[in-house]
Amino acid sequence: MVKESQKHASRAWEKRNPERTSYLALRRATFNFVHPKPGTKAERAIQANWMIILMI
């Protein structure tokens, strides 16, 4: 469950960074569209990228 303070901080960051917010939304939509075959280089790249995003 997400705390209200975290939601507020996220919304504030999105308001201060509209270009980055748009970019990240488009990027997520693109990754959701691509369905690489298991074990391919594309799948490994996407998985590695998501791990980096989750750590931020």
PDB file of N, CA and C in Angstrom:
ATOM      1  N   MET A   1       0.839  -1.182   0.000  1.00  0.00           N
ATOM      2  CA  MET A   1       0.000   0.000   0.000  1.00  0.00           C
ATOM      3  C   MET A   1       0.886   1.249   0.000  1.00  0.00           C
ATOM      4  N   VAL A   2       0.502   2.216  -0.744  1.00  0.00           N
ATOM      5  CA  VAL A   2       1.296   3.435  -0.892  1.00  0.00           C
ATOM      6  C   VAL A   2       0.772   4.502   0.062  1.00  0.00           C
ATOM      7  N   LYS A   3       1.696   5.150   0.745  1.00  0.00           N
ATOM      8  CA  LYS A   3       1.318   6.212   1.675  1.00  0.00           C
ATOM      9  C   LYS A   3       0.864   7.444   0.908  1.00  0.00           C
ATOM     10  N   GLU A   4       0.000   8.214   1.532  1.00  0.00           N
ATOM     11  CA  GLU A   4      -0.493   9.442   0.916  1.00  0.00           C
ATOM     12  C   GLU A   4       0.640  10.422   0.644  1.00  0.00           C
ATOM     13  N   SER A   5       1.627  10.464   1.521  1.00  0.00           N
ATOM     14  CA  SER A   5       2.758  11.377   1.321  1.00  0.00           C
ATOM     15  C   SER A   5       3.546  10.995   0.067  1.00  0.00           C
ATOM     16  N   GLN A   6       3.673   9.690  -0.201  1.00  0.00           N
ATOM     17  CA  GLN A   6       4.377   9.245  -1.408  1.00  0.00           C
ATOM     18  C   GLN A   6       3.591   9.627  -2.654  1.00  0.00           C
ATOM     19  N   LYS A   7       2.280   9.461  -2.606  1.00  0.00           N
ATOM     20  CA  LYS A   7       1.437   9.863  -3.743  1.00  0.00           C
ATOM     21  C   LYS A   7       1.585  11.358  -4.006  1.00  0.00           C
ATOM     22  N   HIS A   8       1.546  12.131  -2.947  1.00  0.00           N
ATOM     23  CA  HIS A   8       1.669  13.584  -3.083  1.00  0.00           C
ATOM     24  C   HIS A   8       3.029  13.956  -3.676  1.00  0.00           C
ATOM     25  N   ALA A   9       4.087  13.315  -3.185  1.00  0.00           N
ATOM     26  CA  ALA A   9       5.430  13.596  -3.694  1.00  0.00           C
ATOM     27  C   ALA A   9       5.548  13.214  -5.162  1.00  0.00           C
ATOM     28  N   SER A  10       4.956  12.101  -5.548  1.00  0.00           N
ATOM     29  CA  SER A  10       5.000  11.670  -6.951  1.00  0.00           C
ATOM     30  C   SER A  10       4.266  12.650  -7.860  1.00  0.00           C
ATOM     31  N   ARG A  11       3.092  13.073  -7.426  1.00  0.00           N
ATOM     32  CA  ARG A  11       2.312  14.033  -8.237  1.00  0.00           C
ATOM     33  C   ARG A  11       3.038  15.365  -8.356  1.00  0.00           C
ATOM     34  N   ALA A  12       3.688  15.792  -7.275  1.00  0.00           N
ATOM     35  CA  ALA A  12       4.441  17.049  -7.305  1.00  0.00           C
ATOM     36  C   ALA A  12       5.609  16.938  -8.275  1.00  0.00           C
ATOM     37  N   TRP A  13       6.318  15.793  -8.244  1.00  0.00           N
ATOM     38  CA  TRP A  13       7.445  15.590  -9.154  1.00  0.00           C
ATOM     39  C   TRP A  13       6.950  15.605 -10.594  1.00  0.00           C
ATOM     40  N   GLU A  14       5.810  14.953 -10.861  1.00  0.00           N
ATOM     41  CA  GLU A  14       5.253  14.924 -12.216  1.00  0.00           C
ATOM     42  C   GLU A  14       4.896  16.324 -12.704  1.00  0.00           C
ATOM     43  N   LYS A  15       4.395  17.161 -11.816  1.00  0.00           N
ATOM     44  CA  LYS A  15       4.058  18.541 -12.193  1.00  0.00           C
ATOM     45  C   LYS A  15       5.315  19.358 -12.502  1.00  0.00           C
ATOM     46  N   ARG A  16       6.404  19.100 -11.762  1.00  0.00           N
ATOM     47  CA  ARG A  16       7.652  19.830 -11.991  1.00  0.00           C
ATOM     48  C   ARG A  16       8.406  19.326 -13.216  1.00  0.00           C
ATOM     49  N   ASN A  17       8.141  18.105 -13.661  1.00  0.00           N
ATOM     50  CA  ASN A  17       8.867  17.481 -14.761  1.00  0.00           C
ATOM     51  C   ASN A  17       7.912  16.920 -15.820  1.00  0.00           C
ATOM     52  N   PRO A  18       7.127  17.770 -16.466  1.00  0.00           N
ATOM     53  CA  PRO A  18       6.133  17.256 -17.416  1.00  0.00           C
ATOM     54  C   PRO A  18       6.740  16.541 -18.622  1.00  0.00           C
ATOM     55  N   GLU A  19       7.887  17.005 -19.112  1.00  0.00           N
ATOM     56  CA  GLU A  19       8.504  16.356 -20.271  1.00  0.00           C
ATOM     57  C   GLU A  19       8.977  14.948 -19.907  1.00  0.00           C
ATOM     58  N   ARG A  20       9.626  14.829 -18.765  1.00  0.00           N
ATOM     59  CA  ARG A  20      10.118  13.517 -18.317  1.00  0.00           C
ATOM     60  C   ARG A  20       8.948  12.567 -18.043  1.00  0.00           C
ATOM     61  N   THR A  21       7.869  13.095 -17.451  1.00  0.00           N
ATOM     62  CA  THR A  21       6.688  12.282 -17.177  1.00  0.00           C
ATOM     63  C   THR A  21       6.093  11.756 -18.471  1.00  0.00           C
ATOM     64  N   SER A  22       5.994  12.602 -19.483  1.00  0.00           N
ATOM     65  CA  SER A  22       5.463  12.175 -20.780  1.00  0.00           C
ATOM     66  C   SER A  22       6.363  11.130 -21.416  1.00  0.00           C
ATOM     67  N   TYR A  23       7.657  11.362 -21.352  1.00  0.00           N
ATOM     68  CA  TYR A  23       8.614  10.418 -21.921  1.00  0.00           C
ATOM     69  C   TYR A  23       8.488   9.048 -21.255  1.00  0.00           C
ATOM     70  N   LEU A  24       8.446   9.030 -19.937  1.00  0.00           N
ATOM     71  CA  LEU A  24       8.356   7.758 -19.218  1.00  0.00           C
ATOM     72  C   LEU A  24       7.043   7.036 -19.508  1.00  0.00           C
ATOM     73  N   ALA A  25       5.955   7.778 -19.635  1.00  0.00           N
ATOM     74  CA  ALA A  25       4.665   7.161 -19.960  1.00  0.00           C
ATOM     75  C   ALA A  25       4.706   6.530 -21.356  1.00  0.00           C
ATOM     76  N   LEU A  26       5.276   7.249 -22.316  1.00  0.00           N
ATOM     77  CA  LEU A  26       5.396   6.704 -23.670  1.00  0.00           C
ATOM     78  C   LEU A  26       6.313   5.494 -23.693  1.00  0.00           C
ATOM     79  N   ARG A  27       7.375   5.556 -22.921  1.00  0.00           N
ATOM     80  CA  ARG A  27       8.314   4.438 -22.860  1.00  0.00           C
ATOM     81  C   ARG A  27       7.655   3.189 -22.275  1.00  0.00           C
ATOM     82  N   ARG A  28       6.884   3.374 -21.207  1.00  0.00           N
ATOM     83  CA  ARG A  28       6.164   2.238 -20.618  1.00  0.00           C
ATOM     84  C   ARG A  28       5.190   1.649 -21.621  1.00  0.00           C
ATOM     85  N   ALA A  29       4.488   2.495 -22.344  1.00  0.00           N
ATOM     86  CA  ALA A  29       3.531   2.012 -23.344  1.00  0.00           C
ATOM     87  C   ALA A  29       4.245   1.213 -24.427  1.00  0.00           C
ATOM     88  N   THR A  30       5.414   1.661 -24.822  1.00  0.00           N
ATOM     89  CA  THR A  30       6.180   0.960 -25.849  1.00  0.00           C
ATOM     90  C   THR A  30       6.637  -0.397 -25.347  1.00  0.00           C
ATOM     91  N   PHE A  31       7.167  -0.447 -24.141  1.00  0.00           N
ATOM     92  CA  PHE A  31       7.622  -1.729 -23.599  1.00  0.00           C
ATOM     93  C   PHE A  31       6.450  -2.691 -23.405  1.00  0.00           C
ATOM     94  N   ASN A  32       5.287  -2.175 -23.078  1.00  0.00           N
ATOM     95  CA  ASN A  32       4.124  -3.040 -22.934  1.00  0.00           C
ATOM     96  C   ASN A  32       3.673  -3.581 -24.287  1.00  0.00           C
ATOM     97  N   PHE A  33       3.968  -2.876 -25.343  1.00  0.00           N
ATOM     98  CA  PHE A  33       3.581  -3.282 -26.694  1.00  0.00           C
ATOM     99  C   PHE A  33       4.499  -4.381 -27.230  1.00  0.00           C
ATOM    100  N   VAL A  34       5.771  -4.323 -26.871  1.00  0.00           N
ATOM    101  CA  VAL A  34       6.760  -5.276 -27.378  1.00  0.00           C
ATOM    102  C   VAL A  34       6.699  -6.558 -26.551  1.00  0.00           C
ATOM    103  N   HIS A  35       6.603  -7.698 -27.237  1.00  0.00           N
ATOM    104  CA  HIS A  35       6.574  -8.997 -26.560  1.00  0.00           C
ATOM    105  C   HIS A  35       7.643  -9.895 -27.174  1.00  0.00           C
ATOM    106  N   PRO A  36       8.895  -9.752 -26.725  1.00  0.00           N
ATOM    107  CA  PRO A  36       9.971 -10.570 -27.297  1.00  0.00           C
ATOM    108  C   PRO A  36       9.836 -12.034 -26.877  1.00  0.00           C
ATOM    109  N   LYS A  37      10.419 -12.911 -27.663  1.00  0.00           N
ATOM    110  CA  LYS A  37      10.405 -14.334 -27.340  1.00  0.00           C
ATOM    111  C   LYS A  37      11.315 -14.589 -26.142  1.00  0.00           C
ATOM    112  N   PRO A  38      10.958 -15.563 -25.312  1.00  0.00           N
ATOM    113  CA  PRO A  38      11.784 -15.880 -24.137  1.00  0.00           C
ATOM    114  C   PRO A  38      13.217 -16.272 -24.525  1.00  0.00           C
ATOM    115  N   GLY A  39      14.171 -15.760 -23.757  1.00  0.00           N
ATOM    116  CA  GLY A  39      15.569 -16.096 -23.971  1.00  0.00           C
ATOM    117  C   GLY A  39      16.289 -15.279 -25.016  1.00  0.00           C
ATOM    118  N   THR A  40      15.612 -14.329 -25.652  1.00  0.00           N
ATOM    119  CA  THR A  40      16.259 -13.521 -26.682  1.00  0.00           C
ATOM    120  C   THR A  40      16.994 -12.340 -26.060  1.00  0.00           C
ATOM    121  N   LYS A  41      17.840 -11.722 -26.866  1.00  0.00           N
ATOM    122  CA  LYS A  41      18.576 -10.543 -26.423  1.00  0.00           C
ATOM    123  C   LYS A  41      17.615  -9.413 -26.050  1.00  0.00           C
ATOM    124  N   ALA A  42      16.522  -9.272 -26.813  1.00  0.00           N
ATOM    125  CA  ALA A  42      15.534  -8.223 -26.531  1.00  0.00           C
ATOM    126  C   ALA A  42      14.884  -8.435 -25.165  1.00  0.00           C
ATOM    127  N   GLU A  43      14.549  -9.665 -24.847  1.00  0.00           N
ATOM    128  CA  GLU A  43      13.936  -9.941 -23.552  1.00  0.00           C
ATOM    129  C   GLU A  43      14.903  -9.616 -22.414  1.00  0.00           C
ATOM    130  N   ARG A  44      16.150 -10.007 -22.548  1.00  0.00           N
ATOM    131  CA  ARG A  44      17.142  -9.721 -21.506  1.00  0.00           C
ATOM    132  C   ARG A  44      17.345  -8.218 -21.332  1.00  0.00           C
ATOM    133  N   ALA A  45      17.362  -7.491 -22.428  1.00  0.00           N
ATOM    134  CA  ALA A  45      17.549  -6.032 -22.355  1.00  0.00           C
ATOM    135  C   ALA A  45      16.378  -5.369 -21.635  1.00  0.00           C
ATOM    136  N   ILE A  46      15.175  -5.801 -21.951  1.00  0.00           N
ATOM    137  CA  ILE A  46      13.992  -5.223 -21.308  1.00  0.00           C
ATOM    138  C   ILE A  46      13.989  -5.557 -19.820  1.00  0.00           C
ATOM    139  N   GLN A  47      14.280  -6.799 -19.471  1.00  0.00           N
ATOM    140  CA  GLN A  47      14.314  -7.196 -18.061  1.00  0.00           C
ATOM    141  C   GLN A  47      15.376  -6.419 -17.290  1.00  0.00           C
ATOM    142  N   ALA A  48      16.542  -6.242 -17.877  1.00  0.00           N
ATOM    143  CA  ALA A  48      17.614  -5.490 -17.217  1.00  0.00           C
ATOM    144  C   ALA A  48      17.203  -4.035 -17.026  1.00  0.00           C
ATOM    145  N   ASN A  49      16.552  -3.456 -18.028  1.00  0.00           N
ATOM    146  CA  ASN A  49      16.121  -2.066 -17.949  1.00  0.00           C
ATOM    147  C   ASN A  49      15.076  -1.890 -16.855  1.00  0.00           C
ATOM    148  N   TRP A  50      14.147  -2.816 -16.736  1.00  0.00           N
ATOM    149  CA  TRP A  50      13.108  -2.711 -15.701  1.00  0.00           C
ATOM    150  C   TRP A  50      13.724  -2.803 -14.311  1.00  0.00           C
ATOM    151  N   MET A  51      14.756  -3.604 -14.152  1.00  0.00           N
ATOM    152  CA  MET A  51      15.413  -3.698 -12.847  1.00  0.00           C
ATOM    153  C   MET A  51      16.053  -2.362 -12.480  1.00  0.00           C
ATOM    154  N   ILE A  52      16.633  -1.683 -13.453  1.00  0.00           N
ATOM    155  CA  ILE A  52      17.257  -0.376 -13.204  1.00  0.00           C
ATOM    156  C   ILE A  52      16.176   0.630 -12.822  1.00  0.00           C
ATOM    157  N   ILE A  53      15.060   0.614 -13.544  1.00  0.00           N
ATOM    158  CA  ILE A  53      13.963   1.563 -13.252  1.00  0.00           C
ATOM    159  C   ILE A  53      13.405   1.305 -11.858  1.00  0.00           C
ATOM    160  N   LEU A  54      13.256   0.048 -11.481  1.00  0.00           N
ATOM    161  CA  LEU A  54      12.705  -0.282 -10.162  1.00  0.00           C
ATOM    162  C   LEU A  54      13.632   0.145  -9.036  1.00  0.00           C
ATOM    163  N   MET A  55      14.934   0.184  -9.296  1.00  0.00           N
ATOM    164  CA  MET A  55      15.891   0.572  -8.266  1.00  0.00           C
ATOM    165  C   MET A  55      15.932   2.075  -8.053  1.00  0.00           C
ATOM    166  N   ILE A  56      15.436   2.841  -8.998  1.00  0.00           N
ATOM    167  CA  ILE A  56      15.493   4.315  -8.888  1.00  0.00           C
ATOM    168  C   ILE A  56      14.497   4.819  -7.898  1.00  0.00           C
TER     169      ILE A  56
END
